[in-house]
């Protein structure tokens, strides 16, 4: 289920997982499940989409994950939409 080329750089994946640590416990729990389920199979496109989502504030990210709102024009790339769907599935 990877988007784009497989992200084979283990160091980059570790940095991404570290960056995904959030200030809200709810976000941390979702991110932990996300990486447990998809971490080994993330592609370059998935990493780029996750990077876009991680640029958001904790509250905004949680609202997106819970479906309280949708991506806006600045974050509505297909990559970010794909990763948001993955986050919502965990």
PDB file of N, CA and C in Angstrom:
ATOM      1  N   UNK A   1       0.826  -1.183   0.000  1.00  0.00           N
ATOM      2  CA  UNK A   1       0.000   0.000   0.000  1.00  0.00           C
ATOM      3  C   UNK A   1       0.873   1.251   0.000  1.00  0.00           C
ATOM      4  N   UNK A   2       1.942   1.251  -0.711  1.00  0.00           N
ATOM      5  CA  UNK A   2       2.827   2.409  -0.669  1.00  0.00           C
ATOM      6  C   UNK A   2       2.518   3.357  -1.803  1.00  0.00           C
ATOM      7  N   UNK A   3       2.732   4.640  -1.529  1.00  0.00           N
ATOM      8  CA  UNK A   3       2.542   5.669  -2.537  1.00  0.00           C
ATOM      9  C   UNK A   3       3.891   6.073  -3.069  1.00  0.00           C
ATOM     10  N   UNK A   4       4.139   5.849  -4.358  1.00  0.00           N
ATOM     11  CA  UNK A   4       5.427   6.200  -4.936  1.00  0.00           C
ATOM     12  C   UNK A   4       6.474   5.171  -4.580  1.00  0.00           C
ATOM     13  N   UNK A   5       7.724   5.534  -4.814  1.00  0.00           N
ATOM     14  CA  UNK A   5       8.837   4.639  -4.519  1.00  0.00           C
ATOM     15  C   UNK A   5       8.906   4.386  -3.021  1.00  0.00           C
ATOM     16  N   UNK A   6       9.320   3.193  -2.653  1.00  0.00           N
ATOM     17  CA  UNK A   6       9.436   2.827  -1.244  1.00  0.00           C
ATOM     18  C   UNK A   6      10.483   3.694  -0.563  1.00  0.00           C
ATOM     19  N   UNK A   7      10.147   4.199   0.621  1.00  0.00           N
ATOM     20  CA  UNK A   7      11.081   5.002   1.400  1.00  0.00           C
ATOM     21  C   UNK A   7      12.008   4.051   2.147  1.00  0.00           C
ATOM     22  N   UNK A   8      13.130   3.729   1.502  1.00  0.00           N
ATOM     23  CA  UNK A   8      14.042   2.727   2.038  1.00  0.00           C
ATOM     24  C   UNK A   8      15.032   3.290   3.053  1.00  0.00           C
ATOM     25  N   UNK A   9      15.129   4.597   3.157  1.00  0.00           N
ATOM     26  CA  UNK A   9      16.089   5.223   4.066  1.00  0.00           C
ATOM     27  C   UNK A   9      15.587   5.089   5.504  1.00  0.00           C
ATOM     28  N   UNK A  10      16.151   4.146   6.227  1.00  0.00           N
ATOM     29  CA  UNK A  10      15.721   3.858   7.594  1.00  0.00           C
ATOM     30  C   UNK A  10      15.893   5.080   8.499  1.00  0.00           C
ATOM     31  N   UNK A  11      16.974   5.829   8.327  1.00  0.00           N
ATOM     32  CA  UNK A  11      17.196   7.018   9.153  1.00  0.00           C
ATOM     33  C   UNK A  11      16.104   8.061   8.909  1.00  0.00           C
ATOM     34  N   UNK A  12      15.714   8.235   7.661  1.00  0.00           N
ATOM     35  CA  UNK A  12      14.651   9.200   7.348  1.00  0.00           C
ATOM     36  C   UNK A  12      13.329   8.753   7.964  1.00  0.00           C
ATOM     37  N   UNK A  13      13.054   7.466   7.916  1.00  0.00           N
ATOM     38  CA  UNK A  13      11.820   6.968   8.525  1.00  0.00           C
ATOM     39  C   UNK A  13      11.833   7.167  10.040  1.00  0.00           C
ATOM     40  N   UNK A  14      12.986   6.964  10.676  1.00  0.00           N
ATOM     41  CA  UNK A  14      13.082   7.204  12.128  1.00  0.00           C
ATOM     42  C   UNK A  14      12.858   8.679  12.457  1.00  0.00           C
ATOM     43  N   UNK A  15      13.461   9.571  11.654  1.00  0.00           N
ATOM     44  CA  UNK A  15      13.266  11.011  11.874  1.00  0.00           C
ATOM     45  C   UNK A  15      11.800  11.393  11.696  1.00  0.00           C
ATOM     46  N   UNK A  16      11.155  10.810  10.706  1.00  0.00           N
ATOM     47  CA  UNK A  16       9.746  11.092  10.462  1.00  0.00           C
ATOM     48  C   UNK A  16       8.900  10.633  11.647  1.00  0.00           C
ATOM     49  N   UNK A  17       9.203   9.454  12.148  1.00  0.00           N
ATOM     50  CA  UNK A  17       8.452   8.945  13.313  1.00  0.00           C
ATOM     51  C   UNK A  17       8.664   9.855  14.516  1.00  0.00           C
ATOM     52  N   UNK A  18       9.884  10.350  14.703  1.00  0.00           N
ATOM     53  CA  UNK A  18      10.170  11.261  15.813  1.00  0.00           C
ATOM     54  C   UNK A  18       9.401  12.572  15.617  1.00  0.00           C
ATOM     55  N   UNK A  19       9.398  13.089  14.385  1.00  0.00           N
ATOM     56  CA  UNK A  19       8.684  14.330  14.088  1.00  0.00           C
ATOM     57  C   UNK A  19       7.179  14.171  14.303  1.00  0.00           C
ATOM     58  N   UNK A  20       6.672  12.984  14.150  1.00  0.00           N
ATOM     59  CA  UNK A  20       5.242  12.727  14.284  1.00  0.00           C
ATOM     60  C   UNK A  20       4.780  12.734  15.737  1.00  0.00           C
ATOM     61  N   UNK A  21       5.716  12.779  16.675  1.00  0.00           N
ATOM     62  CA  UNK A  21       5.318  12.856  18.081  1.00  0.00           C
ATOM     63  C   UNK A  21       4.632  14.190  18.302  1.00  0.00           C
ATOM     64  N   UNK A  22       3.467  14.156  18.905  1.00  0.00           N
ATOM     65  CA  UNK A  22       2.646  15.352  19.032  1.00  0.00           C
ATOM     66  C   UNK A  22       2.402  15.711  20.491  1.00  0.00           C
ATOM     67  N   UNK A  23       1.869  16.902  20.692  1.00  0.00           N
ATOM     68  CA  UNK A  23       1.563  17.374  22.035  1.00  0.00           C
ATOM     69  C   UNK A  23       0.274  16.808  22.598  1.00  0.00           C
ATOM     70  N   UNK A  24      -0.589  16.310  21.745  1.00  0.00           N
ATOM     71  CA  UNK A  24      -1.853  15.716  22.190  1.00  0.00           C
ATOM     72  C   UNK A  24      -1.735  14.193  22.214  1.00  0.00           C
ATOM     73  N   UNK A  25      -2.110  13.609  23.317  1.00  0.00           N
ATOM     74  CA  UNK A  25      -2.054  12.156  23.461  1.00  0.00           C
ATOM     75  C   UNK A  25      -2.839  11.458  22.353  1.00  0.00           C
ATOM     76  N   UNK A  26      -3.989  12.006  22.007  1.00  0.00           N
ATOM     77  CA  UNK A  26      -4.818  11.389  20.965  1.00  0.00           C
ATOM     78  C   UNK A  26      -4.061  11.278  19.647  1.00  0.00           C
ATOM     79  N   UNK A  27      -3.358  12.351  19.271  1.00  0.00           N
ATOM     80  CA  UNK A  27      -2.567  12.326  18.044  1.00  0.00           C
ATOM     81  C   UNK A  27      -1.430  11.320  18.146  1.00  0.00           C
ATOM     82  N   UNK A  28      -0.782  11.273  19.302  1.00  0.00           N
ATOM     83  CA  UNK A  28       0.311  10.316  19.498  1.00  0.00           C
ATOM     84  C   UNK A  28      -0.178   8.881  19.321  1.00  0.00           C
ATOM     85  N   UNK A  29      -1.354   8.587  19.862  1.00  0.00           N
ATOM     86  CA  UNK A  29      -1.899   7.234  19.746  1.00  0.00           C
ATOM     87  C   UNK A  29      -2.187   6.878  18.294  1.00  0.00           C
ATOM     88  N   UNK A  30      -2.790   7.806  17.557  1.00  0.00           N
ATOM     89  CA  UNK A  30      -3.080   7.559  16.145  1.00  0.00           C
ATOM     90  C   UNK A  30      -1.777   7.389  15.372  1.00  0.00           C
ATOM     91  N   UNK A  31      -0.805   8.251  15.624  1.00  0.00           N
ATOM     92  CA  UNK A  31       0.474   8.164  14.907  1.00  0.00           C
ATOM     93  C   UNK A  31       1.188   6.850  15.207  1.00  0.00           C
ATOM     94  N   UNK A  32       1.145   6.403  16.457  1.00  0.00           N
ATOM     95  CA  UNK A  32       1.786   5.130  16.812  1.00  0.00           C
ATOM     96  C   UNK A  32       1.140   3.986  16.042  1.00  0.00           C
ATOM     97  N   UNK A  33      -0.188   3.972  15.986  1.00  0.00           N
ATOM     98  CA  UNK A  33      -0.893   2.926  15.227  1.00  0.00           C
ATOM     99  C   UNK A  33      -0.582   3.023  13.739  1.00  0.00           C
ATOM    100  N   UNK A  34      -0.529   4.259  13.232  1.00  0.00           N
ATOM    101  CA  UNK A  34      -0.210   4.489  11.823  1.00  0.00           C
ATOM    102  C   UNK A  34       1.151   3.888  11.478  1.00  0.00           C
ATOM    103  N   UNK A  35       2.166   4.203  12.286  1.00  0.00           N
ATOM    104  CA  UNK A  35       3.507   3.689  11.998  1.00  0.00           C
ATOM    105  C   UNK A  35       3.596   2.186  12.205  1.00  0.00           C
ATOM    106  N   UNK A  36       2.877   1.655  13.181  1.00  0.00           N
ATOM    107  CA  UNK A  36       2.861   0.205  13.370  1.00  0.00           C
ATOM    108  C   UNK A  36       2.277  -0.497  12.148  1.00  0.00           C
ATOM    109  N   UNK A  37       1.246   0.088  11.588  1.00  0.00           N
ATOM    110  CA  UNK A  37       0.554  -0.543  10.456  1.00  0.00           C
ATOM    111  C   UNK A  37       1.221  -0.259   9.110  1.00  0.00           C
ATOM    112  N   UNK A  38       1.642   0.982   8.889  1.00  0.00           N
ATOM    113  CA  UNK A  38       2.113   1.382   7.565  1.00  0.00           C
ATOM    114  C   UNK A  38       3.601   1.754   7.490  1.00  0.00           C
ATOM    115  N   UNK A  39       4.261   1.919   8.617  1.00  0.00           N
ATOM    116  CA  UNK A  39       5.612   2.472   8.647  1.00  0.00           C
ATOM    117  C   UNK A  39       6.610   1.797   7.723  1.00  0.00           C
ATOM    118  N   UNK A  40       6.613   0.488   7.689  1.00  0.00           N
ATOM    119  CA  UNK A  40       7.594  -0.236   6.877  1.00  0.00           C
ATOM    120  C   UNK A  40       7.314  -0.123   5.386  1.00  0.00           C
ATOM    121  N   UNK A  41       6.088   0.236   5.020  1.00  0.00           N
ATOM    122  CA  UNK A  41       5.699   0.271   3.613  1.00  0.00           C
ATOM    123  C   UNK A  41       5.515   1.677   3.055  1.00  0.00           C
ATOM    124  N   UNK A  42       5.838   2.695   3.834  1.00  0.00           N
ATOM    125  CA  UNK A  42       5.639   4.058   3.355  1.00  0.00           C
ATOM    126  C   UNK A  42       6.496   4.334   2.131  1.00  0.00           C
ATOM    127  N   UNK A  43       5.897   4.982   1.164  1.00  0.00           N
ATOM    128  CA  UNK A  43       6.619   5.399  -0.031  1.00  0.00           C
ATOM    129  C   UNK A  43       7.008   6.856   0.070  1.00  0.00           C
ATOM    130  N   UNK A  44       7.793   7.313  -0.876  1.00  0.00           N
ATOM    131  CA  UNK A  44       8.219   8.707  -0.883  1.00  0.00           C
ATOM    132  C   UNK A  44       7.025   9.659  -0.916  1.00  0.00           C
ATOM    133  N   UNK A  45       6.001   9.321  -1.691  1.00  0.00           N
ATOM    134  CA  UNK A  45       4.800  10.165  -1.760  1.00  0.00           C
ATOM    135  C   UNK A  45       4.083  10.203  -0.412  1.00  0.00           C
ATOM    136  N   UNK A  46       4.049   9.069   0.274  1.00  0.00           N
ATOM    137  CA  UNK A  46       3.418   9.019   1.594  1.00  0.00           C
ATOM    138  C   UNK A  46       4.172   9.898   2.586  1.00  0.00           C
ATOM    139  N   UNK A  47       5.483   9.829   2.536  1.00  0.00           N
ATOM    140  CA  UNK A  47       6.314  10.645   3.430  1.00  0.00           C
ATOM    141  C   UNK A  47       6.058  12.123   3.162  1.00  0.00           C
ATOM    142  N   UNK A  48       5.986  12.502   1.888  1.00  0.00           N
ATOM    143  CA  UNK A  48       5.718  13.899   1.543  1.00  0.00           C
ATOM    144  C   UNK A  48       4.337  14.326   2.043  1.00  0.00           C
ATOM    145  N   UNK A  49       3.341  13.463   1.903  1.00  0.00           N
ATOM    146  CA  UNK A  49       2.004  13.777   2.395  1.00  0.00           C
ATOM    147  C   UNK A  49       1.957  13.900   3.903  1.00  0.00           C
ATOM    148  N   UNK A  50       2.659  13.013   4.589  1.00  0.00           N
ATOM    149  CA  UNK A  50       2.704  13.074   6.047  1.00  0.00           C
ATOM    150  C   UNK A  50       3.422  14.335   6.498  1.00  0.00           C
ATOM    151  N   UNK A  51       4.492  14.704   5.817  1.00  0.00           N
ATOM    152  CA  UNK A  51       5.192  15.950   6.130  1.00  0.00           C
ATOM    153  C   UNK A  51       4.239  17.139   6.066  1.00  0.00           C
ATOM    154  N   UNK A  52       3.394  17.165   5.043  1.00  0.00           N
ATOM    155  CA  UNK A  52       2.428  18.261   4.913  1.00  0.00           C
ATOM    156  C   UNK A  52       1.474  18.280   6.102  1.00  0.00           C
ATOM    157  N   UNK A  53       0.997  17.126   6.485  1.00  0.00           N
ATOM    158  CA  UNK A  53       0.053  17.059   7.608  1.00  0.00           C
ATOM    159  C   UNK A  53       0.728  17.424   8.926  1.00  0.00           C
ATOM    160  N   UNK A  54       1.988  17.054   9.082  1.00  0.00           N
ATOM    161  CA  UNK A  54       2.696  17.343  10.324  1.00  0.00           C
ATOM    162  C   UNK A  54       3.029  18.822  10.473  1.00  0.00           C
ATOM    163  N   UNK A  55       2.908  19.578   9.398  1.00  0.00           N
ATOM    164  CA  UNK A  55       3.099  21.026   9.481  1.00  0.00           C
ATOM    165  C   UNK A  55       1.916  21.714  10.159  1.00  0.00           C
ATOM    166  N   UNK A  56       0.813  21.004  10.306  1.00  0.00           N
ATOM    167  CA  UNK A  56      -0.383  21.553  10.942  1.00  0.00           C
ATOM    168  C   UNK A  56      -0.251  21.528  12.457  1.00  0.00           C
ATOM    169  N   UNK A  57      -1.015  22.355  13.116  1.00  0.00           N
ATOM    170  CA  UNK A  57      -1.061  22.338  14.573  1.00  0.00           C
ATOM    171  C   UNK A  57      -1.741  21.082  15.084  1.00  0.00           C
ATOM    172  N   UNK A  58      -1.516  20.772  16.339  1.00  0.00           N
ATOM    173  CA  UNK A  58      -2.063  19.546  16.924  1.00  0.00           C
ATOM    174  C   UNK A  58      -3.587  19.494  16.856  1.00  0.00           C
ATOM    175  N   UNK A  59      -4.239  20.582  17.215  1.00  0.00           N
ATOM    176  CA  UNK A  59      -5.702  20.600  17.201  1.00  0.00           C
ATOM    177  C   UNK A  59      -6.260  20.442  15.804  1.00  0.00           C
ATOM    178  N   UNK A  60      -5.652  21.127  14.846  1.00  0.00           N
ATOM    179  CA  UNK A  60      -6.104  21.025  13.455  1.00  0.00           C
ATOM    180  C   UNK A  60      -5.904  19.611  12.922  1.00  0.00           C
ATOM    181  N   UNK A  61      -4.763  19.008  13.253  1.00  0.00           N
ATOM    182  CA  UNK A  61      -4.497  17.639  12.813  1.00  0.00           C
ATOM    183  C   UNK A  61      -5.507  16.666  13.412  1.00  0.00           C
ATOM    184  N   UNK A  62      -5.786  16.802  14.695  1.00  0.00           N
ATOM    185  CA  UNK A  62      -6.756  15.914  15.333  1.00  0.00           C
ATOM    186  C   UNK A  62      -8.139  16.076  14.705  1.00  0.00           C
ATOM    187  N   UNK A  63      -8.541  17.314  14.447  1.00  0.00           N
ATOM    188  CA  UNK A  63      -9.839  17.543  13.806  1.00  0.00           C
ATOM    189  C   UNK A  63      -9.910  16.861  12.449  1.00  0.00           C
ATOM    190  N   UNK A  64      -8.823  16.906  11.688  1.00  0.00           N
ATOM    191  CA  UNK A  64      -8.788  16.232  10.387  1.00  0.00           C
ATOM    192  C   UNK A  64      -8.907  14.721  10.550  1.00  0.00           C
ATOM    193  N   UNK A  65      -8.130  14.172  11.466  1.00  0.00           N
ATOM    194  CA  UNK A  65      -8.140  12.725  11.675  1.00  0.00           C
ATOM    195  C   UNK A  65      -9.521  12.242  12.098  1.00  0.00           C
ATOM    196  N   UNK A  66     -10.177  13.013  12.956  1.00  0.00           N
ATOM    197  CA  UNK A  66     -11.499  12.627  13.458  1.00  0.00           C
ATOM    198  C   UNK A  66     -12.618  12.975  12.488  1.00  0.00           C
ATOM    199  N   UNK A  67     -12.292  13.619  11.378  1.00  0.00           N
ATOM    200  CA  UNK A  67     -13.296  13.953  10.379  1.00  0.00           C
ATOM    201  C   UNK A  67     -14.148  15.161  10.736  1.00  0.00           C
ATOM    202  N   UNK A  68     -13.698  15.955  11.688  1.00  0.00           N
ATOM    203  CA  UNK A  68     -14.434  17.160  12.075  1.00  0.00           C
ATOM    204  C   UNK A  68     -14.298  18.257  11.023  1.00  0.00           C
ATOM    205  N   UNK A  69     -13.261  18.159  10.196  1.00  0.00           N
ATOM    206  CA  UNK A  69     -13.049  19.106   9.108  1.00  0.00           C
ATOM    207  C   UNK A  69     -12.301  18.372   8.003  1.00  0.00           C
ATOM    208  N   UNK A  70     -12.148  19.041   6.890  1.00  0.00           N
ATOM    209  CA  UNK A  70     -11.438  18.464   5.753  1.00  0.00           C
ATOM    210  C   UNK A  70     -10.237  19.335   5.414  1.00  0.00           C
ATOM    211  N   UNK A  71      -9.369  18.813   4.584  1.00  0.00           N
ATOM    212  CA  UNK A  71      -8.180  19.557   4.167  1.00  0.00           C
ATOM    213  C   UNK A  71      -8.586  20.810   3.409  1.00  0.00           C
ATOM    214  N   UNK A  72      -7.854  21.888   3.628  1.00  0.00           N
ATOM    215  CA  UNK A  72      -8.114  23.118   2.895  1.00  0.00           C
ATOM    216  C   UNK A  72      -7.177  23.211   1.685  1.00  0.00           C
ATOM    217  N   UNK A  73      -7.254  24.295   0.975  1.00  0.00           N
ATOM    218  CA  UNK A  73      -6.491  24.444  -0.266  1.00  0.00           C
ATOM    219  C   UNK A  73      -4.986  24.304  -0.076  1.00  0.00           C
ATOM    220  N   UNK A  74      -4.456  24.756   1.046  1.00  0.00           N
ATOM    221  CA  UNK A  74      -2.994  24.692   1.218  1.00  0.00           C
ATOM    222  C   UNK A  74      -2.504  23.292   1.570  1.00  0.00           C
ATOM    223  N   UNK A  75      -3.380  22.444   2.044  1.00  0.00           N
ATOM    224  CA  UNK A  75      -2.959  21.100   2.440  1.00  0.00           C
ATOM    225  C   UNK A  75      -3.691  19.999   1.680  1.00  0.00           C
ATOM    226  N   UNK A  76      -4.384  20.357   0.616  1.00  0.00           N
ATOM    227  CA  UNK A  76      -5.249  19.392  -0.065  1.00  0.00           C
ATOM    228  C   UNK A  76      -4.550  18.631  -1.196  1.00  0.00           C
ATOM    229  N   UNK A  77      -3.253  18.454  -1.110  1.00  0.00           N
ATOM    230  CA  UNK A  77      -2.569  17.696  -2.158  1.00  0.00           C
ATOM    231  C   UNK A  77      -3.036  16.246  -2.124  1.00  0.00           C
ATOM    232  N   UNK A  78      -2.976  15.564  -3.266  1.00  0.00           N
ATOM    233  CA  UNK A  78      -3.351  14.142  -3.281  1.00  0.00           C
ATOM    234  C   UNK A  78      -2.532  13.320  -2.290  1.00  0.00           C
ATOM    235  N   UNK A  79      -1.273  13.682  -2.108  1.00  0.00           N
ATOM    236  CA  UNK A  79      -0.416  12.950  -1.151  1.00  0.00           C
ATOM    237  C   UNK A  79      -0.961  13.083   0.262  1.00  0.00           C
ATOM    238  N   UNK A  80      -1.276  14.315   0.655  1.00  0.00           N
ATOM    239  CA  UNK A  80      -1.800  14.549   2.007  1.00  0.00           C
ATOM    240  C   UNK A  80      -3.157  13.872   2.175  1.00  0.00           C
ATOM    241  N   UNK A  81      -3.994  13.913   1.156  1.00  0.00           N
ATOM    242  CA  UNK A  81      -5.304  13.267   1.234  1.00  0.00           C
ATOM    243  C   UNK A  81      -5.158  11.763   1.424  1.00  0.00           C
ATOM    244  N   UNK A  82      -4.214  11.168   0.720  1.00  0.00           N
ATOM    245  CA  UNK A  82      -3.974   9.730   0.831  1.00  0.00           C
ATOM    246  C   UNK A  82      -3.533   9.359   2.249  1.00  0.00           C
ATOM    247  N   UNK A  83      -2.587  10.119   2.794  1.00  0.00           N
ATOM    248  CA  UNK A  83      -2.092   9.817   4.136  1.00  0.00           C
ATOM    249  C   UNK A  83      -3.182  10.081   5.177  1.00  0.00           C
ATOM    250  N   UNK A  84      -3.981  11.110   4.980  1.00  0.00           N
ATOM    251  CA  UNK A  84      -5.085  11.371   5.908  1.00  0.00           C
ATOM    252  C   UNK A  84      -6.041  10.172   5.912  1.00  0.00           C
ATOM    253  N   UNK A  85      -6.330   9.626   4.761  1.00  0.00           N
ATOM    254  CA  UNK A  85      -7.194   8.430   4.704  1.00  0.00           C
ATOM    255  C   UNK A  85      -6.551   7.266   5.455  1.00  0.00           C
ATOM    256  N   UNK A  86      -5.245   7.126   5.356  1.00  0.00           N
ATOM    257  CA  UNK A  86      -4.536   6.068   6.082  1.00  0.00           C
ATOM    258  C   UNK A  86      -4.626   6.311   7.576  1.00  0.00           C
ATOM    259  N   UNK A  87      -4.430   7.565   8.002  1.00  0.00           N
ATOM    260  CA  UNK A  87      -4.529   7.909   9.437  1.00  0.00           C
ATOM    261  C   UNK A  87      -5.920   7.624   9.958  1.00  0.00           C
ATOM    262  N   UNK A  88      -6.926   7.953   9.179  1.00  0.00           N
ATOM    263  CA  UNK A  88      -8.309   7.725   9.613  1.00  0.00           C
ATOM    264  C   UNK A  88      -8.647   6.246   9.703  1.00  0.00           C
ATOM    265  N   UNK A  89      -7.916   5.418   8.983  1.00  0.00           N
ATOM    266  CA  UNK A  89      -8.208   3.981   8.971  1.00  0.00           C
ATOM    267  C   UNK A  89      -7.654   3.230  10.176  1.00  0.00           C
ATOM    268  N   UNK A  90      -6.765   3.877  10.923  1.00  0.00           N
ATOM    269  CA  UNK A  90      -6.167   3.166  12.059  1.00  0.00           C
ATOM    270  C   UNK A  90      -6.966   3.434  13.257  1.00  0.00           C
TER     271      UNK A  90
END
